[in-house]
Amino acid sequence: MIAEQTLIAELKQTETQAKAFEMLVNTYKERLYWHIRRIVLNHDDTDDVLQNTFIKVYKNIHNFKGESKLYSWMYRIATNESLTFLKSKSKKLGINDAELQQTMVNNLKADVYFEGDEIQLNLQKAIASLPEKQKLIFNMKYFEELKYEEISSILDTSVGGLKASYHLAVKKIEAFLKNE
């Protein structure tokens, strides 16, 4: 893989943009897929949000100032696209966010792309019960193993606040699983 600065420069030049964008997609599509999937839970919805994320990245690469890592910027776009998608979906269905989360978790069992067992399903139920920010932080820290500094850059929040939110999320998940 070429250096990030070189990739960014090539993304911003018309003659190298297509090849650089293909490299960007191939490099980050799997990581972004799983990041989005943990938020929207459904494979087909994830594919839609991932496509929208890459379209936004492509259209807005010229606005990328390099104040954060490229993947942090893309994660922020993917997170925002995922949350916007969920809000739109709950609005379309005429239900609130909590009801949507419950419906999505209940649909996981029927999802042919969900490979988890009963334990994984219970963990997803526990995660779905968390407030939105704690859910995001837990997923990024636990599943994606991102460092607090990286999560801080993505969510634009303090490291101390993240640590507290993660700790609370873990406690809530433990309590939820004990009651299952």
N, C-alpha and C. Protein backbone atom coordinates (compact mmCIF):
# COMPACT_ATOMS: atom_id res chain seq x y z
N MET A 1 0.85 -1.19 0.00
CA MET A 1 0.00 0.00 0.00
C MET A 1 0.89 1.24 0.00
N ILE A 2 0.48 2.22 -0.77
CA ILE A 2 1.26 3.46 -0.84
C ILE A 2 0.97 4.30 0.40
N ALA A 3 1.86 5.23 0.67
CA ALA A 3 1.71 6.10 1.83
C ALA A 3 0.41 6.91 1.73
N GLU A 4 -0.18 7.18 2.89
CA GLU A 4 -1.46 7.89 2.93
C GLU A 4 -1.41 9.24 2.24
N GLN A 5 -0.34 10.00 2.45
CA GLN A 5 -0.22 11.33 1.83
C GLN A 5 -0.18 11.23 0.30
N THR A 6 0.49 10.20 -0.20
CA THR A 6 0.56 9.99 -1.65
C THR A 6 -0.82 9.63 -2.19
N LEU A 7 -1.51 8.76 -1.46
CA LEU A 7 -2.85 8.34 -1.87
C LEU A 7 -3.80 9.55 -1.92
N ILE A 8 -3.74 10.38 -0.90
CA ILE A 8 -4.59 11.58 -0.85
C ILE A 8 -4.28 12.50 -2.03
N ALA A 9 -3.00 12.69 -2.29
CA ALA A 9 -2.59 13.55 -3.41
C ALA A 9 -3.11 12.98 -4.73
N GLU A 10 -3.02 11.67 -4.91
CA GLU A 10 -3.49 11.03 -6.14
C GLU A 10 -5.02 11.09 -6.25
N LEU A 11 -5.71 11.03 -5.11
CA LEU A 11 -7.18 11.15 -5.10
C LEU A 11 -7.63 12.54 -5.54
N LYS A 12 -6.79 13.52 -5.31
CA LYS A 12 -7.15 14.91 -5.62
C LYS A 12 -6.74 15.33 -7.03
N GLN A 13 -6.02 14.45 -7.76
CA GLN A 13 -5.60 14.77 -9.12
C GLN A 13 -6.46 14.00 -10.12
N THR A 14 -7.03 14.70 -11.06
CA THR A 14 -7.94 14.11 -12.04
C THR A 14 -7.36 12.90 -12.75
N GLU A 15 -6.11 12.98 -13.18
CA GLU A 15 -5.53 11.89 -13.97
C GLU A 15 -5.23 10.63 -13.15
N THR A 16 -5.09 10.74 -11.83
CA THR A 16 -4.80 9.57 -11.00
C THR A 16 -5.95 9.20 -10.07
N GLN A 17 -7.03 9.98 -10.11
CA GLN A 17 -8.12 9.81 -9.16
C GLN A 17 -8.80 8.43 -9.25
N ALA A 18 -9.11 7.96 -10.43
CA ALA A 18 -9.83 6.69 -10.58
C ALA A 18 -9.04 5.52 -9.99
N LYS A 19 -7.77 5.44 -10.32
CA LYS A 19 -6.92 4.35 -9.83
C LYS A 19 -6.72 4.47 -8.31
N ALA A 20 -6.52 5.68 -7.84
CA ALA A 20 -6.33 5.91 -6.40
C ALA A 20 -7.61 5.57 -5.63
N PHE A 21 -8.76 5.92 -6.20
CA PHE A 21 -10.03 5.63 -5.54
C PHE A 21 -10.26 4.12 -5.46
N GLU A 22 -9.91 3.42 -6.53
CA GLU A 22 -10.02 1.95 -6.53
C GLU A 22 -9.15 1.36 -5.42
N MET A 23 -7.95 1.89 -5.26
CA MET A 23 -7.05 1.43 -4.20
C MET A 23 -7.64 1.74 -2.82
N LEU A 24 -8.22 2.92 -2.67
CA LEU A 24 -8.84 3.34 -1.41
C LEU A 24 -9.98 2.38 -1.05
N VAL A 25 -10.85 2.10 -2.02
CA VAL A 25 -11.98 1.19 -1.79
C VAL A 25 -11.47 -0.19 -1.40
N ASN A 26 -10.52 -0.72 -2.15
CA ASN A 26 -9.99 -2.05 -1.86
C ASN A 26 -9.31 -2.12 -0.49
N THR A 27 -8.71 -1.03 -0.07
CA THR A 27 -8.01 -0.99 1.21
C THR A 27 -8.99 -0.92 2.39
N TYR A 28 -10.04 -0.14 2.25
CA TYR A 28 -10.89 0.16 3.40
C TYR A 28 -12.29 -0.46 3.37
N LYS A 29 -12.69 -1.08 2.27
CA LYS A 29 -14.09 -1.53 2.18
C LYS A 29 -14.47 -2.54 3.25
N GLU A 30 -13.59 -3.47 3.56
CA GLU A 30 -13.94 -4.49 4.56
C GLU A 30 -14.05 -3.88 5.96
N ARG A 31 -13.09 -3.06 6.34
CA ARG A 31 -13.14 -2.43 7.67
C ARG A 31 -14.38 -1.55 7.80
N LEU A 32 -14.66 -0.76 6.76
CA LEU A 32 -15.84 0.11 6.80
C LEU A 32 -17.13 -0.71 6.76
N TYR A 33 -17.13 -1.81 6.01
CA TYR A 33 -18.31 -2.67 5.96
C TYR A 33 -18.68 -3.12 7.38
N TRP A 34 -17.70 -3.65 8.11
CA TRP A 34 -17.99 -4.18 9.45
C TRP A 34 -18.32 -3.07 10.44
N HIS A 35 -17.72 -1.91 10.27
CA HIS A 35 -18.06 -0.77 11.12
C HIS A 35 -19.53 -0.41 10.91
N ILE A 36 -19.94 -0.29 9.67
CA ILE A 36 -21.33 0.06 9.33
C ILE A 36 -22.26 -1.08 9.75
N ARG A 37 -21.86 -2.31 9.50
CA ARG A 37 -22.71 -3.47 9.80
C ARG A 37 -23.05 -3.52 11.29
N ARG A 38 -22.10 -3.16 12.14
CA ARG A 38 -22.36 -3.17 13.58
C ARG A 38 -23.36 -2.09 13.98
N ILE A 39 -23.54 -1.11 13.14
CA ILE A 39 -24.51 -0.04 13.43
C ILE A 39 -25.87 -0.36 12.84
N VAL A 40 -25.91 -0.76 11.58
CA VAL A 40 -27.21 -0.98 10.91
C VAL A 40 -27.68 -2.44 10.95
N LEU A 41 -26.77 -3.36 11.30
CA LEU A 41 -27.03 -4.79 11.53
C LEU A 41 -27.44 -5.62 10.32
N ASN A 42 -27.98 -5.05 9.29
CA ASN A 42 -28.47 -5.80 8.14
C ASN A 42 -27.48 -5.71 6.97
N HIS A 43 -27.21 -6.85 6.34
CA HIS A 43 -26.21 -6.90 5.26
C HIS A 43 -26.57 -5.98 4.09
N ASP A 44 -27.81 -6.08 3.60
CA ASP A 44 -28.20 -5.27 2.44
C ASP A 44 -28.16 -3.77 2.76
N ASP A 45 -28.63 -3.41 3.95
CA ASP A 45 -28.57 -2.01 4.38
C ASP A 45 -27.12 -1.55 4.48
N THR A 46 -26.27 -2.43 4.98
CA THR A 46 -24.84 -2.12 5.11
C THR A 46 -24.23 -1.83 3.75
N ASP A 47 -24.55 -2.66 2.76
CA ASP A 47 -24.03 -2.43 1.41
C ASP A 47 -24.46 -1.07 0.88
N ASP A 48 -25.73 -0.71 1.12
CA ASP A 48 -26.23 0.60 0.67
C ASP A 48 -25.48 1.74 1.35
N VAL A 49 -25.33 1.64 2.66
CA VAL A 49 -24.65 2.70 3.42
C VAL A 49 -23.17 2.78 3.03
N LEU A 50 -22.55 1.63 2.81
CA LEU A 50 -21.14 1.60 2.39
C LEU A 50 -20.97 2.29 1.05
N GLN A 51 -21.88 2.00 0.13
CA GLN A 51 -21.82 2.66 -1.19
C GLN A 51 -21.99 4.17 -1.04
N ASN A 52 -22.95 4.60 -0.23
CA ASN A 52 -23.16 6.04 0.01
C ASN A 52 -21.93 6.67 0.64
N THR A 53 -21.28 5.93 1.54
CA THR A 53 -20.07 6.43 2.20
C THR A 53 -18.97 6.69 1.17
N PHE A 54 -18.73 5.72 0.30
CA PHE A 54 -17.68 5.89 -0.70
C PHE A 54 -18.03 6.99 -1.70
N ILE A 55 -19.30 7.16 -2.02
CA ILE A 55 -19.71 8.26 -2.91
C ILE A 55 -19.39 9.59 -2.24
N LYS A 56 -19.71 9.71 -0.94
CA LYS A 56 -19.41 10.95 -0.20
C LYS A 56 -17.91 11.20 -0.14
N VAL A 57 -17.14 10.15 0.12
CA VAL A 57 -15.68 10.28 0.17
C VAL A 57 -15.17 10.78 -1.18
N TYR A 58 -15.65 10.17 -2.26
CA TYR A 58 -15.22 10.55 -3.61
C TYR A 58 -15.56 12.01 -3.90
N LYS A 59 -16.80 12.40 -3.58
CA LYS A 59 -17.24 13.77 -3.88
C LYS A 59 -16.57 14.81 -2.99
N ASN A 60 -16.13 14.41 -1.79
CA ASN A 60 -15.62 15.39 -0.82
C ASN A 60 -14.13 15.29 -0.54
N ILE A 61 -13.41 14.45 -1.28
CA ILE A 61 -11.97 14.27 -1.02
C ILE A 61 -11.22 15.60 -1.14
N HIS A 62 -11.71 16.49 -1.99
CA HIS A 62 -11.02 17.79 -2.14
C HIS A 62 -11.17 18.66 -0.90
N ASN A 63 -12.17 18.36 -0.06
CA ASN A 63 -12.36 19.11 1.19
C ASN A 63 -11.57 18.51 2.35
N PHE A 64 -10.97 17.34 2.15
CA PHE A 64 -10.20 16.69 3.21
C PHE A 64 -8.92 17.49 3.44
N LYS A 65 -8.77 18.00 4.66
CA LYS A 65 -7.64 18.88 4.99
C LYS A 65 -6.44 18.14 5.58
N GLY A 66 -6.63 16.88 5.93
CA GLY A 66 -5.51 16.12 6.50
C GLY A 66 -5.28 16.39 7.97
N GLU A 67 -6.28 16.96 8.66
CA GLU A 67 -6.15 17.23 10.09
C GLU A 67 -6.30 15.95 10.92
N SER A 68 -6.83 14.91 10.30
CA SER A 68 -6.93 13.60 10.94
C SER A 68 -6.44 12.58 9.91
N LYS A 69 -6.35 11.33 10.33
CA LYS A 69 -5.97 10.29 9.38
C LYS A 69 -7.12 10.12 8.39
N LEU A 70 -6.81 9.68 7.20
CA LEU A 70 -7.81 9.47 6.16
C LEU A 70 -8.90 8.50 6.63
N TYR A 71 -8.48 7.38 7.25
CA TYR A 71 -9.50 6.40 7.66
C TYR A 71 -10.39 6.97 8.77
N SER A 72 -9.86 7.84 9.64
CA SER A 72 -10.68 8.47 10.68
C SER A 72 -11.75 9.33 10.03
N TRP A 73 -11.37 10.06 9.01
CA TRP A 73 -12.32 10.90 8.26
C TRP A 73 -13.39 10.03 7.60
N MET A 74 -12.95 8.92 7.00
CA MET A 74 -13.91 8.02 6.34
C MET A 74 -14.82 7.32 7.36
N TYR A 75 -14.27 6.95 8.51
CA TYR A 75 -15.09 6.35 9.58
C TYR A 75 -16.15 7.34 10.05
N ARG A 76 -15.77 8.60 10.15
CA ARG A 76 -16.73 9.63 10.57
C ARG A 76 -17.87 9.73 9.55
N ILE A 77 -17.51 9.72 8.27
CA ILE A 77 -18.52 9.76 7.21
C ILE A 77 -19.40 8.50 7.29
N ALA A 78 -18.78 7.34 7.45
CA ALA A 78 -19.53 6.08 7.54
C ALA A 78 -20.46 6.07 8.75
N THR A 79 -19.99 6.58 9.87
CA THR A 79 -20.80 6.65 11.09
C THR A 79 -22.00 7.56 10.86
N ASN A 80 -21.74 8.74 10.32
CA ASN A 80 -22.83 9.70 10.06
C ASN A 80 -23.83 9.15 9.05
N GLU A 81 -23.34 8.51 8.00
CA GLU A 81 -24.23 7.90 7.00
C GLU A 81 -25.08 6.80 7.64
N SER A 82 -24.48 6.02 8.51
CA SER A 82 -25.21 4.93 9.18
C SER A 82 -26.32 5.49 10.08
N LEU A 83 -25.97 6.50 10.86
CA LEU A 83 -26.96 7.10 11.78
C LEU A 83 -28.08 7.79 11.01
N THR A 84 -27.73 8.46 9.92
CA THR A 84 -28.74 9.10 9.07
C THR A 84 -29.66 8.05 8.47
N PHE A 85 -29.07 6.95 8.02
CA PHE A 85 -29.85 5.86 7.45
C PHE A 85 -30.85 5.31 8.47
N LEU A 86 -30.38 5.09 9.71
CA LEU A 86 -31.26 4.54 10.75
C LEU A 86 -32.40 5.50 11.09
N LYS A 87 -32.06 6.80 11.17
CA LYS A 87 -33.11 7.79 11.46
C LYS A 87 -34.16 7.80 10.35
N SER A 88 -33.71 7.73 9.12
CA SER A 88 -34.60 7.71 7.97
C SER A 88 -35.46 6.45 7.98
N LYS A 89 -34.84 5.32 8.30
CA LYS A 89 -35.57 4.05 8.33
C LYS A 89 -36.64 4.05 9.42
N SER A 90 -36.30 4.54 10.62
CA SER A 90 -37.29 4.57 11.70
C SER A 90 -38.43 5.53 11.36
N LYS A 91 -38.11 6.63 10.69
CA LYS A 91 -39.13 7.60 10.28
C LYS A 91 -40.08 6.96 9.25
N LYS A 92 -39.50 6.25 8.26
CA LYS A 92 -40.29 5.57 7.24
C LYS A 92 -41.24 4.54 7.84
N LEU A 93 -40.72 3.82 8.84
CA LEU A 93 -41.52 2.77 9.48
C LEU A 93 -42.47 3.33 10.55
N GLY A 94 -42.29 4.60 10.89
CA GLY A 94 -43.15 5.24 11.89
C GLY A 94 -42.92 4.71 13.30
N ILE A 95 -41.66 4.36 13.59
CA ILE A 95 -41.32 3.88 14.94
C ILE A 95 -40.13 4.67 15.47
N ASN A 96 -39.92 4.61 16.79
CA ASN A 96 -38.78 5.35 17.37
C ASN A 96 -37.49 4.53 17.23
N ASP A 97 -36.37 5.15 17.57
CA ASP A 97 -35.06 4.51 17.40
C ASP A 97 -34.94 3.21 18.20
N ALA A 98 -35.45 3.19 19.42
CA ALA A 98 -35.35 1.99 20.27
C ALA A 98 -36.15 0.84 19.65
N GLU A 99 -37.33 1.14 19.12
CA GLU A 99 -38.14 0.10 18.49
C GLU A 99 -37.45 -0.42 17.23
N LEU A 100 -36.82 0.47 16.49
CA LEU A 100 -36.08 0.06 15.29
C LEU A 100 -34.93 -0.87 15.68
N GLN A 101 -34.18 -0.51 16.71
CA GLN A 101 -33.06 -1.35 17.17
C GLN A 101 -33.56 -2.74 17.53
N GLN A 102 -34.67 -2.79 18.25
CA GLN A 102 -35.24 -4.08 18.67
C GLN A 102 -35.66 -4.91 17.46
N THR A 103 -36.30 -4.26 16.49
CA THR A 103 -36.72 -4.94 15.26
C THR A 103 -35.52 -5.49 14.51
N MET A 104 -34.46 -4.67 14.41
CA MET A 104 -33.26 -5.09 13.68
C MET A 104 -32.59 -6.29 14.35
N VAL A 105 -32.50 -6.26 15.68
CA VAL A 105 -31.90 -7.39 16.40
C VAL A 105 -32.75 -8.64 16.22
N ASN A 106 -34.06 -8.48 16.31
CA ASN A 106 -34.96 -9.62 16.12
C ASN A 106 -34.84 -10.21 14.72
N ASN A 107 -34.54 -9.37 13.73
CA ASN A 107 -34.40 -9.83 12.35
C ASN A 107 -33.06 -10.53 12.09
N LEU A 108 -32.11 -10.38 13.01
CA LEU A 108 -30.79 -10.99 12.82
C LEU A 108 -30.88 -12.51 12.65
N LYS A 109 -31.75 -13.14 13.42
CA LYS A 109 -31.87 -14.60 13.35
C LYS A 109 -32.22 -15.07 11.95
N ALA A 110 -33.04 -14.29 11.25
CA ALA A 110 -33.48 -14.65 9.90
C ALA A 110 -32.48 -14.21 8.82
N ASP A 111 -31.49 -13.40 9.21
CA ASP A 111 -30.51 -12.88 8.26
C ASP A 111 -29.52 -13.98 7.86
N VAL A 112 -29.53 -14.36 6.58
CA VAL A 112 -28.65 -15.44 6.12
C VAL A 112 -27.16 -15.07 6.25
N TYR A 113 -26.86 -13.78 6.37
CA TYR A 113 -25.47 -13.33 6.50
C TYR A 113 -25.00 -13.28 7.96
N PHE A 114 -25.93 -13.45 8.90
CA PHE A 114 -25.56 -13.44 10.32
C PHE A 114 -25.08 -14.84 10.70
N GLU A 115 -23.84 -14.93 11.12
CA GLU A 115 -23.25 -16.24 11.40
C GLU A 115 -23.11 -16.51 12.89
N GLY A 116 -23.68 -15.64 13.72
CA GLY A 116 -23.53 -15.79 15.16
C GLY A 116 -24.43 -16.84 15.75
N ASP A 117 -24.08 -17.27 16.95
CA ASP A 117 -24.89 -18.23 17.68
C ASP A 117 -25.78 -17.46 18.67
N GLU A 118 -26.38 -18.17 19.61
CA GLU A 118 -27.28 -17.56 20.59
C GLU A 118 -26.54 -16.53 21.44
N ILE A 119 -25.29 -16.82 21.77
CA ILE A 119 -24.50 -15.89 22.58
C ILE A 119 -24.30 -14.58 21.83
N GLN A 120 -23.94 -14.68 20.54
CA GLN A 120 -23.75 -13.48 19.71
C GLN A 120 -25.06 -12.69 19.59
N LEU A 121 -26.16 -13.42 19.46
CA LEU A 121 -27.47 -12.77 19.35
C LEU A 121 -27.79 -12.01 20.64
N ASN A 122 -27.52 -12.63 21.79
CA ASN A 122 -27.75 -11.95 23.07
C ASN A 122 -26.84 -10.74 23.23
N LEU A 123 -25.60 -10.86 22.77
CA LEU A 123 -24.68 -9.72 22.83
C LEU A 123 -25.22 -8.57 21.97
N GLN A 124 -25.73 -8.90 20.78
CA GLN A 124 -26.31 -7.86 19.91
C GLN A 124 -27.52 -7.20 20.56
N LYS A 125 -28.33 -7.99 21.26
CA LYS A 125 -29.49 -7.44 21.98
C LYS A 125 -29.02 -6.48 23.06
N ALA A 126 -27.97 -6.89 23.78
CA ALA A 126 -27.42 -6.04 24.85
C ALA A 126 -26.87 -4.73 24.28
N ILE A 127 -26.14 -4.83 23.17
CA ILE A 127 -25.58 -3.64 22.53
C ILE A 127 -26.71 -2.73 22.04
N ALA A 128 -27.75 -3.33 21.49
CA ALA A 128 -28.89 -2.54 20.98
C ALA A 128 -29.59 -1.77 22.08
N SER A 129 -29.46 -2.24 23.30
CA SER A 129 -30.12 -1.56 24.42
C SER A 129 -29.35 -0.32 24.90
N LEU A 130 -28.14 -0.14 24.41
CA LEU A 130 -27.31 1.00 24.83
C LEU A 130 -27.75 2.28 24.13
N PRO A 131 -27.48 3.43 24.78
CA PRO A 131 -27.68 4.71 24.07
C PRO A 131 -26.74 4.75 22.86
N GLU A 132 -27.12 5.53 21.85
CA GLU A 132 -26.41 5.57 20.57
C GLU A 132 -24.90 5.77 20.71
N LYS A 133 -24.49 6.76 21.49
CA LYS A 133 -23.06 7.07 21.60
C LYS A 133 -22.29 5.92 22.26
N GLN A 134 -22.86 5.35 23.33
CA GLN A 134 -22.20 4.21 23.99
C GLN A 134 -22.10 3.02 23.05
N LYS A 135 -23.12 2.82 22.24
CA LYS A 135 -23.13 1.73 21.26
C LYS A 135 -21.98 1.90 20.27
N LEU A 136 -21.83 3.11 19.74
CA LEU A 136 -20.75 3.39 18.79
C LEU A 136 -19.39 3.17 19.43
N ILE A 137 -19.21 3.70 20.63
CA ILE A 137 -17.92 3.59 21.33
C ILE A 137 -17.61 2.13 21.63
N PHE A 138 -18.61 1.40 22.12
CA PHE A 138 -18.39 -0.01 22.44
C PHE A 138 -17.98 -0.79 21.18
N ASN A 139 -18.70 -0.60 20.10
CA ASN A 139 -18.39 -1.33 18.86
C ASN A 139 -16.99 -1.01 18.36
N MET A 140 -16.61 0.27 18.38
CA MET A 140 -15.29 0.65 17.87
C MET A 140 -14.17 0.11 18.75
N LYS A 141 -14.38 0.12 20.06
CA LYS A 141 -13.35 -0.33 20.99
C LYS A 141 -13.30 -1.86 21.05
N TYR A 142 -14.46 -2.49 21.23
CA TYR A 142 -14.51 -3.94 21.45
C TYR A 142 -14.29 -4.74 20.17
N PHE A 143 -15.04 -4.43 19.13
CA PHE A 143 -14.97 -5.23 17.90
C PHE A 143 -13.85 -4.77 16.97
N GLU A 144 -13.70 -3.46 16.82
CA GLU A 144 -12.72 -2.96 15.86
C GLU A 144 -11.36 -2.71 16.49
N GLU A 145 -11.32 -2.79 17.82
CA GLU A 145 -10.07 -2.63 18.58
C GLU A 145 -9.35 -1.32 18.27
N LEU A 146 -10.13 -0.27 18.06
CA LEU A 146 -9.52 1.04 17.83
C LEU A 146 -9.03 1.61 19.16
N LYS A 147 -8.00 2.42 19.08
CA LYS A 147 -7.48 3.10 20.27
C LYS A 147 -8.41 4.27 20.60
N TYR A 148 -8.42 4.66 21.87
CA TYR A 148 -9.28 5.77 22.30
C TYR A 148 -8.99 7.04 21.49
N GLU A 149 -7.71 7.26 21.16
CA GLU A 149 -7.35 8.46 20.40
C GLU A 149 -7.99 8.43 19.01
N GLU A 150 -8.03 7.25 18.40
CA GLU A 150 -8.66 7.11 17.07
C GLU A 150 -10.17 7.34 17.17
N ILE A 151 -10.79 6.75 18.18
CA ILE A 151 -12.24 6.93 18.37
C ILE A 151 -12.55 8.40 18.64
N SER A 152 -11.68 9.03 19.42
CA SER A 152 -11.84 10.45 19.74
C SER A 152 -11.84 11.29 18.47
N SER A 153 -10.96 10.96 17.54
CA SER A 153 -10.87 11.68 16.27
C SER A 153 -12.11 11.43 15.42
N ILE A 154 -12.60 10.20 15.42
CA ILE A 154 -13.77 9.85 14.61
C ILE A 154 -15.03 10.51 15.16
N LEU A 155 -15.23 10.42 16.48
CA LEU A 155 -16.46 10.92 17.09
C LEU A 155 -16.34 12.36 17.58
N ASP A 156 -15.14 12.92 17.47
CA ASP A 156 -14.90 14.30 17.89
C ASP A 156 -15.31 14.52 19.34
N THR A 157 -14.76 13.69 20.22
CA THR A 157 -15.05 13.77 21.65
C THR A 157 -13.78 13.49 22.44
N SER A 158 -13.77 13.81 23.72
CA SER A 158 -12.56 13.65 24.52
C SER A 158 -12.28 12.19 24.86
N VAL A 159 -11.01 11.88 25.04
CA VAL A 159 -10.59 10.53 25.40
C VAL A 159 -11.17 10.15 26.77
N GLY A 160 -11.14 11.08 27.71
CA GLY A 160 -11.69 10.81 29.04
C GLY A 160 -13.17 10.46 28.99
N GLY A 161 -13.91 11.20 28.19
CA GLY A 161 -15.34 10.93 28.03
C GLY A 161 -15.58 9.57 27.38
N LEU A 162 -14.71 9.22 26.43
CA LEU A 162 -14.83 7.93 25.76
C LEU A 162 -14.60 6.78 26.73
N LYS A 163 -13.57 6.91 27.57
CA LYS A 163 -13.26 5.86 28.54
C LYS A 163 -14.43 5.66 29.49
N ALA A 164 -15.01 6.75 29.95
CA ALA A 164 -16.16 6.67 30.85
C ALA A 164 -17.35 6.01 30.14
N SER A 165 -17.62 6.42 28.91
CA SER A 165 -18.73 5.85 28.14
C SER A 165 -18.52 4.37 27.87
N TYR A 166 -17.30 3.99 27.54
CA TYR A 166 -17.00 2.57 27.28
C TYR A 166 -17.21 1.75 28.55
N HIS A 167 -16.71 2.26 29.67
CA HIS A 167 -16.85 1.57 30.95
C HIS A 167 -18.34 1.38 31.29
N LEU A 168 -19.13 2.43 31.12
CA LEU A 168 -20.57 2.34 31.38
C LEU A 168 -21.24 1.33 30.44
N ALA A 169 -20.85 1.36 29.17
CA ALA A 169 -21.41 0.42 28.20
C ALA A 169 -21.13 -1.02 28.60
N VAL A 170 -19.90 -1.29 29.02
CA VAL A 170 -19.52 -2.65 29.44
C VAL A 170 -20.36 -3.09 30.63
N LYS A 171 -20.51 -2.19 31.60
CA LYS A 171 -21.32 -2.50 32.80
C LYS A 171 -22.77 -2.80 32.42
N LYS A 172 -23.33 -2.00 31.52
CA LYS A 172 -24.73 -2.21 31.09
C LYS A 172 -24.88 -3.52 30.33
N ILE A 173 -23.90 -3.85 29.49
CA ILE A 173 -23.95 -5.10 28.73
C ILE A 173 -23.84 -6.29 29.69
N GLU A 174 -22.93 -6.19 30.66
CA GLU A 174 -22.79 -7.28 31.65
C GLU A 174 -24.11 -7.48 32.39
N ALA A 175 -24.72 -6.39 32.83
CA ALA A 175 -26.00 -6.48 33.57
C ALA A 175 -27.10 -7.07 32.67
N PHE A 176 -27.13 -6.66 31.43
CA PHE A 176 -28.14 -7.17 30.49
C PHE A 176 -27.97 -8.68 30.30
N LEU A 177 -26.72 -9.12 30.09
CA LEU A 177 -26.46 -10.54 29.85
C LEU A 177 -26.72 -11.40 31.08
N LYS A 178 -26.50 -10.86 32.26
CA LYS A 178 -26.78 -11.61 33.50
C LYS A 178 -28.28 -11.84 33.65
N ASN A 179 -29.08 -10.92 33.14
CA ASN A 179 -30.53 -11.03 33.25
C ASN A 179 -31.16 -11.83 32.13
N GLU A 180 -30.38 -12.23 31.15
CA GLU A 180 -30.92 -13.01 30.00
C GLU A 180 -31.14 -14.45 30.37
